[in-house]
Amino acid sequence: MEITSPDIFKGNIIMSRVRLARNLKDYPFKVTRPALAKEIVKKVNRALVRTDTFDLYFASNLSAMKLEAMKERHLISQNLIDNKSCGAALINSDQSISVMVNEEDVIREQCFMRGLSLSEAYKRLNKVDDDLAMNLDLAFDDNFGYLTACPTNLGTGLRASVMLFLPALTEGRKIKALAKEVEALGLTVRGLYGEGSEAEGYMYQVSNEVTLGVSEYEIISQVEEAVEAICRAEREEMNRLFVANEIKTMDRAKKSYGVLTNAVVLNYSEFLSHVANVKLGAMLGYININDVYGIDDLIIAVRPANLCEEYGGRKLTAIERDLFRAEIVANRLSKLKE
């Protein structure tokens, strides 16, 4: 039976993220002096008091493991970790909004939402940005727009990205051709953690490359249209590769579910290969899991640093991590199937 319902997009579209890059007038774009960094953090923190309730984290006060766990959840970047003596992050209560301070730019605002929600994410983040603009003197030029550390962010300073699960296009060896088509539109396809990262578990990010000479809404519309086209291509390829070979696909999914719910030790690479099969099986109705977002959450929860946090913050050995991961995965998947 062919996949025809748009509901299949729920599994393919994991998360939307909108990011804005901003700097302060009369301040360096790259802050490397801790005293100046703290002054800027205080200014940004005060500017956001009325926006939402944010928790303030100074990178210098956090352990390497805590920083890595936050990066695994996309709340901070490697650039912020690399500038640990000056970096900070303001994160709201449900962790849907993160404002990094003293990263590549002085301010990097982010909003995350499930599914294809770029417009709503931008609407939410725009309120944060309005408060920053109202209370801070942002670096802006009438010709070039917002001024940024990297020229590729000039103009709107906006990056709109959508995280996708694309097993069929990957196995059908169509990702490279897709990436070329997307690049011709001024967009890019990258791995799970952005530029230079690998596409773990068939997961990719599609985002805009052009920020100058286009409006925020044009960027969002272009990315959304591309994502929908990619998802339609993925659906067609899923029908060809997986639905047309139903018994083989069902067997593959259920065997992986059996491994994940019975394994004693489970490394992250092995987990990713099996959980992708389980998610595919759930999307096709071969495994009775309706909450595919629960599978996406699990993928982040059992990454190495988050696993250590879940264990109480203690650094675990590799074998301890693999034992604990197997336990968590079995428990979570069983609950998702209830």
Protein backbone atom coordinates (compact mmCIF):
# COMPACT_ATOMS: atom_id res chain seq x y z
CA MET A 1 0.00 0.00 0.00
CA GLU A 2 1.51 3.34 -1.05
CA ILE A 3 2.09 6.19 1.35
CA THR A 4 -0.20 9.04 0.33
CA SER A 5 -1.07 10.80 3.59
CA PRO A 6 0.75 14.05 4.45
CA ASP A 7 0.97 12.69 8.00
CA ILE A 8 4.14 10.89 6.89
CA PHE A 9 5.84 14.31 7.00
CA LYS A 10 5.54 14.17 10.79
CA GLY A 11 8.24 11.53 10.89
CA ASN A 12 10.40 13.08 8.20
CA ILE A 13 10.31 16.61 9.62
CA ILE A 14 11.91 16.48 13.04
CA MET A 15 12.47 20.07 14.09
CA SER A 16 12.56 23.65 12.83
CA ARG A 17 15.09 26.19 14.03
CA VAL A 18 15.36 29.92 13.39
CA ARG A 19 18.58 31.70 14.33
CA LEU A 20 19.39 35.42 14.29
CA ALA A 21 22.92 36.85 14.44
CA ARG A 22 23.36 40.27 16.06
CA ASN A 23 26.20 42.48 17.28
CA LEU A 24 26.44 45.64 19.38
CA LYS A 25 27.46 49.00 18.02
CA ASP A 26 30.83 50.23 19.37
CA TYR A 27 31.72 46.74 20.70
CA PRO A 28 34.01 44.17 19.04
CA PHE A 29 32.12 41.41 17.24
CA LYS A 30 34.47 38.79 18.69
CA VAL A 31 34.78 39.29 22.45
CA THR A 32 37.83 37.70 24.05
CA ARG A 33 38.22 39.72 27.27
CA PRO A 34 36.26 38.19 30.20
CA ALA A 35 35.59 41.56 31.89
CA LEU A 36 34.06 42.99 28.71
CA ALA A 37 32.20 39.75 28.13
CA LYS A 38 30.48 39.95 31.54
CA GLU A 39 29.48 43.55 30.86
CA ILE A 40 27.82 42.47 27.60
CA VAL A 41 26.10 39.49 29.22
CA LYS A 42 24.57 41.78 31.84
CA LYS A 43 23.29 44.13 29.13
CA VAL A 44 21.70 41.29 27.18
CA ASN A 45 20.22 39.74 30.32
CA ARG A 46 18.63 43.05 31.35
CA ALA A 47 17.26 43.54 27.84
CA LEU A 48 15.38 40.25 28.04
CA VAL A 49 13.88 40.57 31.51
CA ARG A 50 10.36 41.25 30.18
CA THR A 51 10.51 38.81 27.27
CA ASP A 52 10.48 35.45 29.05
CA THR A 53 11.99 33.74 32.06
CA PHE A 54 15.56 32.83 31.15
CA ASP A 55 18.18 30.92 33.09
CA LEU A 56 21.66 32.39 32.67
CA TYR A 57 24.61 30.06 32.21
CA PHE A 58 28.20 31.29 32.13
CA ALA A 59 30.26 28.77 30.15
CA SER A 60 33.24 29.30 32.46
CA ASN A 61 31.16 28.01 35.40
CA LEU A 62 30.12 24.79 33.65
CA SER A 63 31.95 21.50 33.37
CA ALA A 64 33.08 20.19 30.00
CA MET A 65 30.44 17.47 30.27
CA LYS A 66 27.62 19.95 30.96
CA LEU A 67 28.68 22.08 28.00
CA GLU A 68 28.81 19.04 25.74
CA ALA A 69 25.33 17.96 26.91
CA MET A 70 23.96 21.40 26.07
CA LYS A 71 25.61 21.23 22.65
CA GLU A 72 24.08 17.80 22.04
CA ARG A 73 20.67 19.41 22.65
CA HIS A 74 21.59 22.23 20.21
CA LEU A 75 21.24 24.84 22.98
CA ILE A 76 24.80 26.07 22.49
CA SER A 77 27.43 25.70 19.79
CA GLN A 78 31.02 24.54 19.60
CA ASN A 79 31.99 28.17 18.90
CA LEU A 80 30.60 29.19 22.28
CA ILE A 81 32.43 26.32 24.01
CA ASP A 82 35.65 27.37 22.29
CA ASN A 83 35.17 30.87 23.76
CA LYS A 84 34.44 29.41 27.21
CA SER A 85 36.05 32.23 29.21
CA CYS A 86 33.64 34.76 27.66
CA GLY A 87 30.64 32.76 26.48
CA ALA A 88 27.23 32.57 28.13
CA ALA A 89 23.72 31.38 27.26
CA LEU A 90 20.25 32.48 28.29
CA ILE A 91 17.80 29.60 27.98
CA ASN A 92 14.06 29.72 28.63
CA SER A 93 12.20 27.22 30.81
CA ASP A 94 11.12 24.76 28.09
CA GLN A 95 14.46 25.12 26.24
CA SER A 96 12.72 26.27 23.06
CA ILE A 97 14.64 29.56 23.01
CA SER A 98 18.36 29.98 23.51
CA VAL A 99 20.31 33.25 23.34
CA MET A 100 24.04 32.68 23.09
CA VAL A 101 26.25 35.60 24.07
CA ASN A 102 29.85 36.04 22.87
CA GLU A 103 29.77 33.24 20.34
CA GLU A 104 30.96 33.93 16.75
CA ASP A 105 28.79 37.06 17.00
CA VAL A 106 28.02 38.91 20.22
CA ILE A 107 24.43 37.60 20.15
CA ARG A 108 23.03 34.46 18.54
CA GLU A 109 19.29 34.00 19.18
CA GLN A 110 17.65 30.63 18.47
CA CYS A 111 14.13 29.22 18.60
CA PHE A 112 13.33 25.52 18.18
CA MET A 113 9.93 23.98 17.39
CA ARG A 114 8.79 20.51 16.38
CA GLY A 115 7.78 19.82 12.79
CA LEU A 116 7.71 22.36 9.98
CA SER A 117 7.19 25.46 12.12
CA LEU A 118 9.62 28.05 10.78
CA SER A 119 7.04 30.85 10.60
CA GLU A 120 5.90 30.30 14.18
CA ALA A 121 9.49 29.95 15.41
CA TYR A 122 10.41 33.24 13.72
CA LYS A 123 7.36 34.96 15.22
CA ARG A 124 8.42 33.87 18.69
CA LEU A 125 12.06 34.79 18.18
CA ASN A 126 11.15 38.13 16.66
CA LYS A 127 9.67 39.17 20.01
CA VAL A 128 13.01 38.41 21.65
CA ASP A 129 14.81 40.32 18.91
CA ASP A 130 12.48 43.31 19.28
CA ASP A 131 13.29 43.56 22.98
CA LEU A 132 17.02 43.37 22.24
CA ALA A 133 16.68 46.09 19.59
CA MET A 134 14.63 48.25 21.94
CA ASN A 135 17.12 48.02 24.80
CA LEU A 136 20.46 47.67 23.02
CA ASP A 137 22.20 49.58 20.24
CA LEU A 138 22.58 46.87 17.61
CA ALA A 139 25.15 47.11 14.82
CA PHE A 140 23.11 47.98 11.72
CA ASP A 141 23.87 49.57 8.37
CA ASP A 142 21.24 51.11 6.07
CA ASN A 143 22.78 49.40 3.04
CA PHE A 144 23.94 46.08 4.45
CA GLY A 145 21.42 45.47 7.23
CA TYR A 146 22.61 43.78 10.42
CA LEU A 147 26.40 43.64 10.60
CA THR A 148 27.88 40.25 11.46
CA ALA A 149 31.27 38.67 12.08
CA CYS A 150 30.94 36.52 8.94
CA PRO A 151 29.87 38.28 5.71
CA THR A 152 27.58 35.33 4.84
CA ASN A 153 25.26 36.42 7.67
CA LEU A 154 24.97 40.08 6.61
CA GLY A 155 21.51 41.50 6.02
CA THR A 156 18.79 39.74 7.98
CA GLY A 157 21.31 37.68 9.95
CA LEU A 158 18.73 34.89 9.72
CA ARG A 159 19.33 31.18 9.33
CA ALA A 160 16.19 29.08 8.93
CA SER A 161 16.89 25.36 9.18
CA VAL A 162 14.81 22.22 9.29
CA MET A 163 16.06 18.86 10.55
CA LEU A 164 14.92 15.96 8.36
CA PHE A 165 14.90 12.16 8.59
CA LEU A 166 15.64 10.86 5.08
CA PRO A 167 16.35 7.11 5.10
CA ALA A 168 14.98 6.40 1.60
CA LEU A 169 16.84 9.17 -0.21
CA THR A 170 19.99 8.13 1.65
CA GLU A 171 19.72 4.43 0.83
CA GLY A 172 18.63 5.27 -2.70
CA ARG A 173 21.89 7.26 -3.01
CA LYS A 174 20.08 10.42 -4.02
CA ILE A 175 21.34 12.77 -1.30
CA LYS A 176 24.28 14.14 -3.32
CA ALA A 177 22.05 14.98 -6.27
CA LEU A 178 19.52 16.51 -3.88
CA ALA A 179 22.23 18.63 -2.26
CA LYS A 180 23.26 20.00 -5.67
CA GLU A 181 19.65 20.89 -6.53
CA VAL A 182 19.21 22.60 -3.17
CA GLU A 183 22.48 24.53 -3.53
CA ALA A 184 21.23 25.93 -6.86
CA LEU A 185 18.36 27.50 -4.87
CA GLY A 186 20.74 29.16 -2.41
CA LEU A 187 20.16 26.52 0.26
CA THR A 188 22.39 23.87 1.77
CA VAL A 189 22.12 20.32 3.14
CA ARG A 190 24.31 19.46 6.13
CA GLY A 191 24.64 16.89 8.88
CA LEU A 192 22.87 16.89 12.23
CA TYR A 193 25.16 19.46 13.89
CA GLY A 194 25.65 21.79 10.95
CA GLU A 195 28.65 22.52 8.76
CA GLY A 196 31.21 19.74 8.63
CA SER A 197 29.13 17.28 10.69
CA GLU A 198 27.98 13.82 9.67
CA ALA A 199 24.41 12.82 8.84
CA GLU A 200 23.83 10.54 11.82
CA GLY A 201 20.87 8.17 11.63
CA TYR A 202 19.73 9.53 8.22
CA MET A 203 19.30 12.99 9.77
CA TYR A 204 20.09 16.15 7.80
CA GLN A 205 19.66 19.91 8.13
CA VAL A 206 18.32 22.00 5.25
CA SER A 207 18.95 25.74 5.63
CA ASN A 208 19.37 28.98 3.70
CA GLU A 209 22.76 30.28 2.61
CA VAL A 210 21.69 33.76 1.48
CA THR A 211 20.81 36.38 4.09
CA LEU A 212 21.49 39.63 2.20
CA GLY A 213 19.02 41.18 -0.22
CA VAL A 214 16.07 39.02 0.86
CA SER A 215 13.51 39.45 3.62
CA GLU A 216 13.05 37.16 6.59
CA TYR A 217 9.74 35.92 5.22
CA GLU A 218 11.24 35.21 1.80
CA ILE A 219 13.94 33.10 3.43
CA ILE A 220 11.43 31.14 5.51
CA SER A 221 9.10 30.60 2.55
CA GLN A 222 11.95 29.35 0.37
CA VAL A 223 13.20 26.88 2.99
CA GLU A 224 9.68 25.61 3.70
CA GLU A 225 8.98 25.04 0.00
CA ALA A 226 12.26 23.15 -0.42
CA VAL A 227 11.57 21.01 2.65
CA GLU A 228 8.11 20.06 1.40
CA ALA A 229 9.57 19.11 -2.00
CA ILE A 230 12.27 17.01 -0.32
CA CYS A 231 9.66 15.26 1.82
CA ARG A 232 7.57 14.45 -1.24
CA ALA A 233 10.67 12.98 -2.91
CA GLU A 234 11.43 11.01 0.26
CA ARG A 235 7.87 9.67 0.35
CA GLU A 236 8.11 8.48 -3.25
CA GLU A 237 11.42 6.80 -2.55
CA MET A 238 10.02 5.20 0.62
CA ASN A 239 7.23 3.68 -1.47
CA ARG A 240 9.76 2.36 -3.98
CA LEU A 241 12.36 1.04 -1.55
CA PHE A 242 10.47 0.11 1.60
CA VAL A 243 6.72 -0.26 1.00
CA ALA A 244 7.27 -2.26 -2.18
CA ASN A 245 9.44 -4.63 -0.09
CA GLU A 246 7.07 -4.76 2.88
CA ILE A 247 8.14 -8.09 4.39
CA LYS A 248 11.83 -7.21 4.24
CA THR A 249 11.22 -3.73 5.71
CA MET A 250 8.96 -5.07 8.46
CA ASP A 251 11.50 -7.76 9.35
CA ARG A 252 14.29 -5.20 9.47
CA ALA A 253 12.29 -2.86 11.73
CA LYS A 254 11.12 -5.56 14.14
CA LYS A 255 14.55 -7.14 14.41
CA SER A 256 16.01 -3.74 15.32
CA TYR A 257 13.23 -3.22 17.88
CA GLY A 258 14.12 -6.62 19.36
CA VAL A 259 17.81 -5.68 19.61
CA LEU A 260 17.08 -2.31 21.23
CA THR A 261 14.65 -3.71 23.80
CA ASN A 262 16.83 -6.69 24.74
CA ALA A 263 20.44 -5.52 24.41
CA VAL A 264 22.62 -5.60 27.51
CA VAL A 265 25.22 -3.20 26.13
CA LEU A 266 24.59 -0.69 23.37
CA ASN A 267 27.07 1.77 21.87
CA TYR A 268 25.76 4.93 20.26
CA SER A 269 26.63 3.98 16.68
CA GLU A 270 24.82 0.63 17.00
CA PHE A 271 21.87 2.37 18.64
CA LEU A 272 21.58 4.88 15.77
CA SER A 273 21.52 2.20 13.07
CA HIS A 274 18.78 0.25 14.86
CA VAL A 275 16.68 3.19 16.03
CA ALA A 276 16.48 4.50 12.45
CA ASN A 277 14.95 1.15 11.44
CA VAL A 278 12.52 1.31 14.35
CA LYS A 279 11.45 4.84 13.43
CA LEU A 280 10.97 3.78 9.82
CA GLY A 281 8.85 0.85 10.98
CA ALA A 282 6.76 3.12 13.21
CA MET A 283 6.18 5.58 10.35
CA LEU A 284 5.01 2.77 8.07
CA GLY A 285 2.76 1.23 10.73
CA TYR A 286 4.82 -1.93 11.17
CA ILE A 287 5.61 -1.10 14.81
CA ASN A 288 2.89 0.28 17.08
CA ILE A 289 4.54 3.57 18.09
CA ASN A 290 2.47 6.67 17.37
CA ASP A 291 4.79 9.20 19.02
CA VAL A 292 7.70 9.35 16.57
CA TYR A 293 8.84 12.55 18.30
CA GLY A 294 9.49 10.34 21.33
CA ILE A 295 12.02 8.45 19.23
CA ASP A 296 13.65 11.74 18.18
CA ASP A 297 13.91 12.79 21.84
CA LEU A 298 15.49 9.44 22.71
CA ILE A 299 18.19 9.95 20.09
CA ILE A 300 19.35 13.08 21.94
CA ALA A 301 18.81 11.66 25.44
CA VAL A 302 21.27 8.78 24.98
CA ARG A 303 24.10 10.74 23.41
CA PRO A 304 27.23 10.39 25.61
CA ALA A 305 27.11 13.63 27.63
CA ASN A 306 23.34 13.63 28.11
CA LEU A 307 23.57 10.03 29.22
CA CYS A 308 26.06 11.03 31.92
CA GLU A 309 23.74 13.84 33.02
CA GLU A 310 20.84 11.39 33.24
CA TYR A 311 23.02 9.18 35.45
CA GLY A 312 23.48 12.00 37.93
CA GLY A 313 26.25 14.02 36.34
CA ARG A 314 29.01 11.48 36.94
CA LYS A 315 31.46 10.83 34.12
CA LEU A 316 30.90 7.27 32.95
CA THR A 317 33.34 4.86 31.36
CA ALA A 318 32.54 3.62 27.86
CA ILE A 319 31.17 0.30 29.12
CA GLU A 320 29.11 2.03 31.81
CA ARG A 321 27.60 4.31 29.16
CA ASP A 322 26.76 1.37 26.92
CA LEU A 323 25.12 -0.53 29.79
CA PHE A 324 23.09 2.48 30.90
CA ARG A 325 22.14 3.36 27.32
CA ALA A 326 20.77 -0.15 26.76
CA GLU A 327 18.66 0.14 29.92
CA ILE A 328 17.24 3.56 29.03
CA VAL A 329 16.51 2.64 25.41
CA ALA A 330 14.67 -0.54 26.39
CA ASN A 331 12.56 1.30 28.97
CA ARG A 332 11.71 4.29 26.76
CA LEU A 333 10.85 2.23 23.69
CA SER A 334 8.64 -0.09 25.73
CA LYS A 335 6.74 2.92 27.09
CA LEU A 336 6.36 4.42 23.60
CA LYS A 337 4.79 1.18 22.43
CA GLU A 338 2.27 1.02 25.30
